[in-house]
Protein backbone atom coordinates (compact mmCIF):
# COMPACT_ATOMS: atom_id res chain seq x y z
CA MET A 1 29.99 54.47 87.46
CA LYS A 2 33.33 53.03 88.49
CA LYS A 3 34.18 52.53 84.82
CA TYR A 4 33.76 56.23 84.06
CA THR A 5 35.67 57.18 87.19
CA ILE A 6 38.55 54.98 86.13
CA LEU A 7 38.49 56.50 82.64
CA ILE A 8 38.49 60.03 84.06
CA ILE A 9 41.36 59.22 86.42
CA SER A 10 43.30 57.58 83.59
CA GLY A 11 42.72 60.59 81.36
CA CYS A 12 43.93 62.99 84.06
CA CYS A 13 47.07 60.90 84.61
CA ALA A 14 47.79 60.89 80.89
CA LEU A 15 47.23 64.65 80.71
CA ALA A 16 49.54 65.22 83.70
CA ALA A 17 52.20 63.01 82.15
CA GLY A 18 51.87 64.93 78.91
CA ILE A 19 52.23 68.27 80.68
CA ALA A 20 55.27 67.00 82.58
CA GLY A 21 56.83 65.74 79.37
CA LEU A 22 56.14 69.06 77.64
CA ALA A 23 57.70 70.97 80.55
CA LEU A 24 60.75 68.75 80.40
CA LEU A 25 60.96 69.29 76.65
CA LEU A 26 60.68 73.05 77.02
CA ASN A 27 63.56 73.03 79.50
CA GLN A 28 65.79 71.25 77.01
CA PRO A 29 67.82 73.17 74.45
CA PRO A 30 66.40 73.14 70.92
CA VAL A 31 67.48 70.33 68.61
CA GLY A 32 71.07 70.93 67.60
CA GLU A 33 71.78 73.43 70.42
CA SER A 34 74.33 72.83 73.16
CA SER A 35 73.37 73.28 76.79
CA VAL A 36 75.13 76.11 78.62
CA PRO A 37 78.52 74.80 79.85
CA GLU A 38 79.23 74.76 83.58
CA PHE A 39 81.75 77.27 84.85
CA VAL A 40 85.21 75.74 85.27
CA MET A 41 87.76 76.87 87.83
CA PRO A 42 91.09 75.91 86.24
CA SER A 43 94.18 75.72 88.41
CA GLN A 44 96.05 79.00 88.16
CA PRO A 45 99.83 79.37 88.19
CA VAL A 46 100.74 81.97 90.82
CA SER A 47 103.95 83.96 90.57
CA THR A 48 106.22 84.37 93.55
CA ASP A 49 107.92 87.52 92.28
CA SER A 50 106.88 89.78 89.43
CA SER A 51 109.89 92.06 89.86
CA SER A 52 111.83 89.73 87.59
CA ALA A 53 109.57 90.78 84.75
CA THR A 54 110.63 94.39 85.21
CA GLU A 55 113.92 93.79 83.49
CA THR A 56 112.31 92.07 80.54
CA SER A 57 108.90 93.69 80.35
CA GLY A 58 109.58 97.38 80.63
CA SER A 59 106.96 97.89 83.28
CA SER A 60 105.83 101.46 83.39
CA ALA A 61 105.32 104.01 86.12
CA ALA A 62 102.38 106.36 86.44
CA VAL A 63 101.21 109.79 87.53
CA THR A 64 97.85 110.27 89.27
CA ILE A 65 95.31 112.29 87.27
CA ALA A 66 91.66 113.22 87.52
CA PRO A 67 89.15 111.62 85.09
CA GLN A 68 87.54 113.77 82.43
CA THR A 69 83.81 114.00 81.88
CA GLU A 70 83.92 114.11 78.10
CA ALA A 71 85.91 112.44 75.38
CA PRO A 72 89.40 113.79 74.61
CA SER A 73 89.03 116.19 71.69
CA GLU A 74 91.94 114.73 69.77
CA THR A 75 90.77 111.13 69.98
CA PRO A 76 88.26 109.80 67.40
CA VAL A 77 85.17 108.30 68.99
CA ILE A 78 83.01 105.45 67.71
CA THR A 79 79.63 106.92 66.91
CA ALA A 80 77.62 104.10 68.55
CA GLU A 81 77.86 103.49 72.27
CA PRO A 82 78.79 99.86 73.05
CA ALA A 83 75.52 99.37 74.94
CA ALA A 84 73.50 100.56 71.96
CA LEU A 85 75.00 98.35 69.27
CA THR A 86 72.58 96.37 67.18
CA ALA A 87 75.17 94.54 65.13
CA GLU A 88 78.89 93.90 65.32
CA SER A 89 81.36 92.55 62.82
CA PRO A 90 83.57 89.64 63.85
CA ASP A 91 86.53 90.84 65.89
CA MET A 92 88.16 87.56 66.88
CA PRO A 93 91.63 86.83 65.47
CA GLU A 94 91.47 85.16 62.08
CA GLU A 95 93.79 82.89 60.20
CA THR A 96 96.88 84.68 58.97
CA ASN A 97 96.17 86.75 55.88
CA LEU A 98 98.65 89.29 54.57
CA SER A 99 96.16 90.71 52.10
CA THR A 100 94.85 94.19 52.90
CA THR A 101 91.40 93.44 51.51
CA THR A 102 88.39 92.73 53.69
CA PRO A 103 87.40 89.02 53.77
CA PRO A 104 84.20 88.32 51.80
CA GLY A 105 80.96 88.61 53.72
CA GLU A 106 82.38 90.65 56.59
CA THR A 107 81.60 94.22 57.51
CA THR A 108 83.97 96.77 58.92
CA ALA A 109 83.71 99.25 61.75
CA ALA A 110 83.14 102.90 61.04
CA VAL A 111 86.38 104.36 62.36
CA SER A 112 87.80 107.80 61.70
CA GLU A 113 91.41 108.40 60.76
CA PRO A 114 93.40 108.74 63.99
CA ALA A 115 94.45 112.19 65.05
CA GLN A 116 97.84 112.89 66.59
CA PRO A 117 97.86 113.25 70.38
CA THR A 118 98.08 116.78 71.69
CA SER A 119 101.25 116.01 73.58
CA ALA A 120 103.85 113.29 73.75
CA VAL A 121 103.58 110.83 76.61
CA SER A 122 106.49 111.11 79.00
CA LEU A 123 108.68 108.04 79.40
CA SER A 124 109.75 106.47 82.67
CA THR A 125 111.61 103.40 83.84
CA SER A 126 110.26 102.89 87.35
CA ALA A 127 110.02 99.29 88.46
CA THR A 128 106.88 97.42 89.42
CA SER A 129 106.57 96.12 92.94
CA ALA A 130 106.87 92.42 93.65
CA THR A 131 103.78 90.22 93.94
CA GLU A 132 103.23 87.88 96.86
CA THR A 133 101.53 84.54 97.30
CA THR A 134 99.74 82.92 100.20
CA THR A 135 97.14 80.24 100.89
CA GLU A 136 94.90 82.50 102.97
CA LYS A 137 91.28 82.78 101.95
CA ILE A 138 89.98 86.03 100.55
CA GLN A 139 87.44 87.74 102.79
CA THR A 140 84.31 88.88 100.97
CA THR A 141 83.51 92.55 101.48
CA SER A 142 80.09 94.11 101.16
CA LYS A 143 81.39 96.70 98.74
CA PRO A 144 84.77 96.57 96.99
CA GLN A 145 87.09 99.50 97.42
CA THR A 146 87.64 101.52 94.25
CA ALA A 147 91.31 101.77 93.29
CA GLU A 148 92.72 105.03 91.97
CA HIS A 149 93.48 105.48 88.30
CA SER A 150 96.92 106.60 87.21
CA GLU A 151 98.11 107.95 83.91
CA PRO A 152 99.75 105.16 81.88
CA THR A 153 103.21 105.73 80.48
CA GLU A 154 105.70 103.58 78.61
CA PRO A 155 109.39 103.24 79.49
CA GLU A 156 112.29 103.65 77.15
CA ARG A 157 113.88 100.46 75.85
CA PRO A 158 116.47 99.52 73.21
CA SER A 159 115.18 100.22 69.71
CA ASN A 160 115.90 96.67 68.57
CA VAL A 161 113.97 94.93 71.38
CA LEU A 162 110.30 93.94 71.60
CA ILE A 163 108.95 92.76 74.96
CA THR A 164 105.61 91.03 74.50
CA SER A 165 104.33 91.13 78.08
CA GLY A 166 105.04 92.18 81.66
CA ASP A 167 103.83 88.84 83.02
CA PRO A 168 106.76 87.02 84.66
CA LEU A 169 105.08 83.71 83.80
CA HIS A 170 104.20 84.40 80.15
CA HIS A 171 106.42 86.61 77.99
CA VAL A 172 108.85 86.65 75.06
CA GLN A 173 111.75 89.00 74.43
CA PHE A 174 112.79 89.46 70.79
CA GLU A 175 116.16 91.01 69.95
CA PHE A 176 116.31 92.02 66.31
CA GLY A 177 119.63 92.06 64.46
CA GLU A 178 120.92 92.57 60.96
CA ARG A 179 120.84 88.88 60.00
CA SER A 180 118.97 87.17 62.83
CA VAL A 181 116.29 87.48 65.50
CA ARG A 182 117.23 86.12 68.90
CA TYR A 183 114.41 85.29 71.32
CA SER A 184 114.01 83.98 74.84
CA GLY A 185 111.03 83.68 77.12
CA VAL A 186 108.93 81.93 79.72
CA TYR A 187 105.57 80.29 79.15
CA THR A 188 104.08 78.59 82.20
CA GLY A 189 101.38 75.94 81.99
CA THR A 190 101.57 75.07 78.30
CA PRO A 191 104.94 74.34 76.64
CA VAL A 192 106.12 76.31 73.61
CA THR A 193 106.66 73.74 70.86
CA SER A 194 108.16 75.89 68.09
CA VAL A 195 109.01 79.41 66.97
CA ASP A 196 109.22 80.13 63.25
CA ILE A 197 108.65 82.78 60.59
CA LEU A 198 105.23 82.08 59.16
CA LEU A 199 104.72 81.64 55.40
CA GLU A 200 108.47 81.80 54.79
CA GLN A 201 108.86 78.41 56.47
CA ILE A 202 111.95 79.50 58.38
CA PRO A 203 112.18 77.52 61.64
CA SER A 204 114.49 78.27 64.55
CA TYR A 205 117.77 76.47 63.93
CA ASP A 206 118.60 76.21 67.64
CA PHE A 207 115.23 76.08 69.42
CA THR A 208 115.59 74.82 72.98
CA SER A 209 112.98 74.32 75.67
CA SER A 210 113.46 73.42 79.32
CA GLY A 211 110.37 73.41 81.49
CA SER A 212 108.67 76.78 81.04
CA ASN A 213 111.74 78.45 79.52
CA PHE A 214 112.57 78.53 75.83
CA SER A 215 115.01 80.29 73.51
CA GLY A 216 116.40 80.20 70.00
CA THR A 217 117.41 82.12 66.89
CA LEU A 218 115.74 82.84 63.56
CA ASN A 219 117.92 83.43 60.50
CA VAL A 220 116.39 86.32 58.53
CA SER A 221 119.29 87.07 56.18
CA SER A 222 117.37 85.76 53.14
CA LEU A 223 114.30 87.95 53.64
CA ASP A 224 113.56 90.94 51.42
CA PRO A 225 112.38 94.24 52.93
CA GLY A 226 108.77 94.02 54.13
CA TYR A 227 106.59 92.80 56.99
CA TYR A 228 106.83 89.27 58.37
CA ILE A 229 105.22 87.21 61.13
CA ILE A 230 106.94 85.34 63.94
CA ARG A 231 104.66 82.56 65.15
CA VAL A 232 105.04 81.09 68.63
CA SER A 233 103.18 77.76 68.78
CA LEU A 234 101.98 76.16 72.00
CA ASP A 235 101.28 72.56 72.85
CA GLY A 236 97.53 72.09 72.41
CA GLY A 237 97.12 74.20 69.27
CA ALA A 238 97.23 77.82 70.49
CA ILE A 239 99.36 80.25 68.50
CA MET A 240 100.75 83.72 69.16
CA ASP A 241 101.76 85.89 66.19
CA TYR A 242 103.98 88.99 66.21
CA VAL A 243 104.72 91.19 63.19
CA PHE A 244 108.20 92.59 62.53
CA GLU A 245 109.80 94.49 59.68
CA MET A 246 112.79 93.79 57.44
CA THR A 247 114.54 96.99 56.43
CA ALA A 248 117.66 97.74 54.43
CA ASP A 249 119.58 97.54 57.72
CA GLY A 250 118.13 94.20 58.82
CA SER A 251 115.26 93.10 61.08
CA ALA A 252 113.52 95.52 63.42
CA PRO A 253 110.43 95.72 65.66
CA LEU A 254 107.60 97.83 64.32
CA SER A 255 108.23 101.52 64.73
CA TRP A 256 106.52 103.00 67.80
CA SER A 257 105.90 106.26 65.93
CA GLU A 258 104.07 104.47 63.10
CA LEU A 259 101.78 102.58 65.48
CA PRO A 260 98.89 104.13 67.46
CA ALA A 261 100.94 103.61 70.64
CA ASP A 262 101.06 107.19 71.92
CA GLU A 263 97.44 107.53 70.83
CA ASN A 264 96.46 104.51 72.93
CA LEU A 265 98.28 105.80 76.00
CA SER A 266 96.82 109.26 75.54
CA ALA A 267 93.25 107.90 75.36
CA ALA A 268 93.83 105.67 78.41
CA ALA A 269 95.05 108.68 80.38
CA SER A 270 91.61 110.31 80.07
CA PRO A 271 88.92 107.83 81.14
CA LEU A 272 85.28 108.80 80.79
CA GLU A 273 83.25 108.38 83.98
CA LEU A 274 80.04 106.65 82.90
CA PRO A 275 76.98 107.97 84.79
CA GLU A 276 74.85 105.68 86.92
CA GLU A 277 72.17 105.13 84.29
CA GLY A 278 74.84 104.18 81.77
CA VAL A 279 76.43 101.69 84.17
CA MET A 280 72.99 100.19 84.85
CA GLN A 281 72.60 99.39 81.14
CA HIS A 282 75.75 97.26 81.34
CA ILE A 283 74.44 95.30 84.34
CA THR A 284 70.82 94.53 83.37
CA SER A 285 68.62 95.65 80.53
CA SER A 286 65.62 95.72 82.90
CA GLY A 287 66.82 98.90 84.60
CA ASP A 288 65.62 97.44 87.92
CA HIS A 289 67.89 98.27 90.86
CA GLU A 290 67.03 95.12 92.80
CA THR A 291 67.91 92.98 89.78
CA ALA A 292 71.16 94.92 89.41
CA ARG A 293 72.04 94.27 93.06
CA GLN A 294 71.40 90.55 92.61
CA VAL A 295 73.59 90.45 89.51
CA LEU A 296 76.40 92.34 91.28
CA SER A 297 76.14 89.99 94.25
CA ARG A 298 76.67 87.08 91.87
CA VAL A 299 79.65 88.86 90.30
CA ARG A 300 81.23 89.35 93.75
CA GLU A 301 80.71 85.71 94.71
CA LEU A 302 82.14 84.50 91.41
CA SER A 303 85.12 86.83 91.63
CA ASP A 304 85.88 85.66 95.17
CA GLU A 305 85.67 82.05 94.04
CA ILE A 306 88.08 82.69 91.15
CA CYS A 307 90.55 84.50 93.42
CA ALA A 308 90.23 82.25 96.47
CA GLY A 309 93.60 81.79 98.15
CA ILE A 310 95.30 84.59 96.16
CA THR A 311 96.38 87.83 97.83
CA SER A 312 98.44 89.55 95.13
CA ASP A 313 96.32 91.85 92.97
CA TYR A 314 98.45 90.95 89.95
CA ASP A 315 97.88 87.22 90.45
CA LYS A 316 94.17 87.86 90.95
CA LEU A 317 94.16 89.73 87.66
CA ARG A 318 95.83 86.85 85.87
CA ALA A 319 93.39 84.36 87.40
CA ILE A 320 90.37 86.44 86.34
CA SER A 321 91.76 86.86 82.82
CA GLN A 322 92.33 83.14 82.41
CA TRP A 323 88.93 82.31 83.88
CA VAL A 324 87.06 84.61 81.47
CA SER A 325 88.97 83.29 78.44
CA ARG A 326 88.28 79.72 79.53
CA ASN A 327 84.59 80.08 80.42
CA MET A 328 83.20 82.64 77.97
CA TYR A 329 82.26 81.86 74.36
CA TYR A 330 82.30 84.34 71.49
CA ASP A 331 78.75 84.54 70.11
CA LYS A 332 79.25 84.34 66.36
CA ASP A 333 75.52 83.78 65.80
CA ALA A 334 74.77 87.15 67.38
CA SER A 335 77.69 88.79 65.59
CA GLU A 336 76.31 87.68 62.24
CA LYS A 337 72.60 88.24 62.93
CA GLY A 338 72.65 91.27 65.18
CA VAL A 339 73.69 92.14 68.72
CA THR A 340 71.09 93.51 71.12
CA ASP A 341 71.75 95.61 74.22
CA ASP A 342 70.72 92.72 76.46
CA MET A 343 73.46 90.44 75.06
CA LEU A 344 76.15 92.77 76.43
CA THR A 345 74.88 92.92 80.03
CA LEU A 346 76.40 91.14 83.02
CA GLU A 347 73.05 89.46 83.57
CA HIS A 348 73.15 87.89 80.10
CA VAL A 349 76.76 86.73 80.06
CA LEU A 350 76.46 85.17 83.51
CA GLU A 351 73.37 83.23 82.46
CA TYR A 352 74.39 82.13 78.97
CA HIS A 353 78.23 82.27 79.18
CA ARG A 354 78.44 83.89 75.77
CA SER A 355 78.56 87.33 74.18
CA VAL A 356 80.57 89.42 71.75
CA CYS A 357 83.66 91.36 72.81
CA PHE A 358 81.75 94.15 74.58
CA GLY A 359 80.10 91.57 76.85
CA TRP A 360 83.41 89.85 77.60
CA SER A 361 85.17 93.10 78.55
CA ASN A 362 82.12 94.12 80.61
CA LEU A 363 82.35 90.94 82.68
CA PHE A 364 86.14 91.14 83.07
CA SER A 365 85.92 94.73 84.29
CA ALA A 366 83.23 93.90 86.88
CA LEU A 367 85.10 90.83 88.17
CA CYS A 368 88.24 92.93 88.64
CA GLN A 369 86.40 95.73 90.42
CA ALA A 370 84.87 93.15 92.78
CA GLN A 371 88.46 92.60 94.00
CA GLY A 372 89.11 96.32 94.33
CA ILE A 373 91.25 96.39 91.15
CA TRP A 374 90.81 99.53 89.04
CA CYS A 375 89.69 98.42 85.59
CA ALA A 376 88.29 100.27 82.60
CA ASN A 377 86.89 99.34 79.20
CA ALA A 378 88.75 100.30 76.07
CA SER A 379 86.87 100.28 72.79
CA GLY A 380 88.03 101.10 69.31
CA SER A 381 89.17 99.11 66.32
CA VAL A 382 91.42 96.18 65.45
CA VAL A 383 92.86 94.54 62.38
CA THR A 384 92.70 90.75 62.23
CA GLY A 385 94.57 88.10 60.29
CA SER A 386 97.95 88.63 62.02
CA ARG A 387 98.42 91.99 60.33
CA CYS A 388 99.55 95.34 61.63
CA PHE A 389 98.13 98.80 60.97
CA MET A 390 100.89 99.61 58.49
CA GLN A 391 99.65 96.78 56.26
CA THR A 392 96.02 97.86 56.28
CA SER A 393 93.68 100.80 55.88
CA THR A 394 90.81 101.98 58.10
CA ALA A 395 88.47 100.05 55.81
CA ASP A 396 89.97 96.83 57.22
CA GLU A 397 89.37 97.77 60.85
CA ARG A 398 86.64 96.19 62.97
CA SER A 399 85.02 97.42 66.17
CA HIS A 400 86.30 95.76 69.33
CA SER A 401 86.44 96.10 73.10
CA TRP A 402 89.11 95.10 75.62
CA ASN A 403 90.38 96.29 79.01
CA MET A 404 93.10 98.11 80.87
CA THR A 405 93.74 97.83 84.59
CA VAL A 406 96.09 99.70 86.92
CA ILE A 407 98.00 97.88 89.67
CA ASP A 408 100.68 99.57 91.76
CA GLY A 409 100.65 102.50 89.38
CA ARG A 410 101.32 100.36 86.29
CA GLN A 411 98.97 100.03 83.32
CA ILE A 412 98.10 96.49 82.22
CA TRP A 413 96.34 95.83 78.92
CA VAL A 414 94.15 92.69 78.75
CA ASP A 415 92.12 91.28 75.86
CA THR A 416 90.32 88.16 77.07
CA VAL A 417 88.64 87.58 73.69
CA TRP A 418 91.90 87.40 71.79
CA ASN A 419 93.32 85.02 74.39
CA SER A 420 90.56 82.52 73.61
CA SER A 421 89.28 80.42 70.73
CA ASN A 422 85.97 79.51 72.39
CA SER A 423 82.99 80.17 70.14
CA TYR A 424 79.22 79.81 69.97
CA ARG A 425 78.10 79.17 66.41
CA LYS A 426 74.97 77.54 65.01
CA ARG A 427 73.72 77.27 68.61
CA ARG A 428 76.68 75.14 69.66
CA TYR A 429 79.30 75.88 72.33
CA VAL A 430 82.72 74.92 70.96
CA GLU A 431 85.72 75.04 73.27
CA GLY A 432 89.04 76.05 71.73
CA PRO A 433 92.57 76.55 73.03
CA GLN A 434 93.55 79.55 75.15
CA ASP A 435 96.81 81.45 75.43
CA MET A 436 98.17 84.46 77.31
CA GLN A 437 99.39 86.65 74.44
CA TYR A 438 97.08 89.54 75.34
CA PHE A 439 97.47 89.45 79.12
CA ASP A 440 99.64 92.34 80.36
CA ILE A 441 100.65 92.77 76.73
CA SER A 442 103.05 95.65 76.22
CA THR A 443 101.79 98.83 74.58
CA ALA A 444 104.20 98.29 71.70
CA ALA A 445 102.79 94.81 71.07
CA ILE A 446 99.07 95.57 71.48
CA SER A 447 99.38 98.67 69.31
CA GLN A 448 100.30 96.47 66.36
CA ASP A 449 96.60 95.67 65.89
CA HIS A 450 94.55 97.54 68.59
CA ARG A 451 93.56 101.21 68.36
CA VAL A 452 91.75 102.90 71.29
CA THR A 453 89.08 105.45 70.42
CA ARG A 454 87.14 105.42 73.70
CA PHE A 455 88.25 104.67 77.25
CA GLU A 456 85.49 104.28 79.81
CA TYR A 457 85.31 103.65 83.55
CA ARG A 458 82.15 102.12 85.08
CA ASP A 459 81.68 102.18 88.84
CA TYR A 460 79.52 99.06 88.98
CA PHE A 461 79.41 98.70 92.74
CA ALA A 462 78.27 102.26 93.35
CA LEU A 463 74.84 100.83 92.49
CA ASP A 464 75.11 98.06 95.07
């Protein structure tokens, strides 16, 4: 009798051990798949005064307007809503390719030819207010205050100057001349190692770097008329490319009138207010209000953690942008096999730390709104491969999503995807270098390769 009892007990123990082992196995990622990376809170450089960027960035003023409830009639609209996409073509920056043909195996976004805006956007030169720093902790509020939206404008600037960004800690100013391009800038955190004209193998003959500051000159006298790329390389492997044109009169920034710049500002001036049920789809695919509240609570906590000790809205914005680019991974598996609605929700990206561009911009927008920063989602099309719209056709354009915020009446474009090289491919998380090219990028610079066709505001915390 004892023998059978012992056998039964032994069998039960073996069965329990087997179940425990199976449970442990089920909790492990499949063979060849990376586990979800832990969130990282990198140290953030905080500016002491952003007014210095006003002289170099061309910060713009704004006029308060009321949101529209339908899309602007003169702006082409992507036929599929971002939350209803089932597939998306790759929209991350590619290796430089001056060809206007679509790379093999890739699909393109269905984008209509852009229409001209109904009216020109007025220009202004008002300055941005200074940012402040402090070590005080941010107090969590039960419901963030919603900031007002203002109509974005772009100031006048010399026709031979391109300002890449309004960020006092990360920007380049290019001055184009008949025989040379003079540049100077600041890049905080990661040193600039070189500035050259890509493909033509023309380096700066007087490149100098001291701390975060750098400057130099590019000799362009030997270049024929056409489009060329200035590459700014950073220590660690990140690169920032800017297209310019050689004309019969010498070098010049890309013509504002030939870019979708006014078109982008016009679309951003008329945000669509997404209804509650539409906002819910971007939070959780379950449609459950309690789940949505839990997700939003997590967003608030995460946003407060990212912005702890920062009081300036601008510095908070920079910290959130850098955090998203550092911690999110572009899901190339989903991009190639098909994107479901669930993959774009806040619930999904917070759990798996990966998505395509619509998921990244969704998270960035929610994190900003948790700090009371007005933020909207821009969607439309882009051209990749360090090319500009003048070098391509609509057949080359791919669907994409990014953001625009408004702080102190100034519009600030942000593309967290194009500031990052993180990717998720073949079920592996691969960390890549990050840069700040598309943080507070000027309208002239972002319009080289970004075209807005839909501009949408989501009041996430109205559901909380």
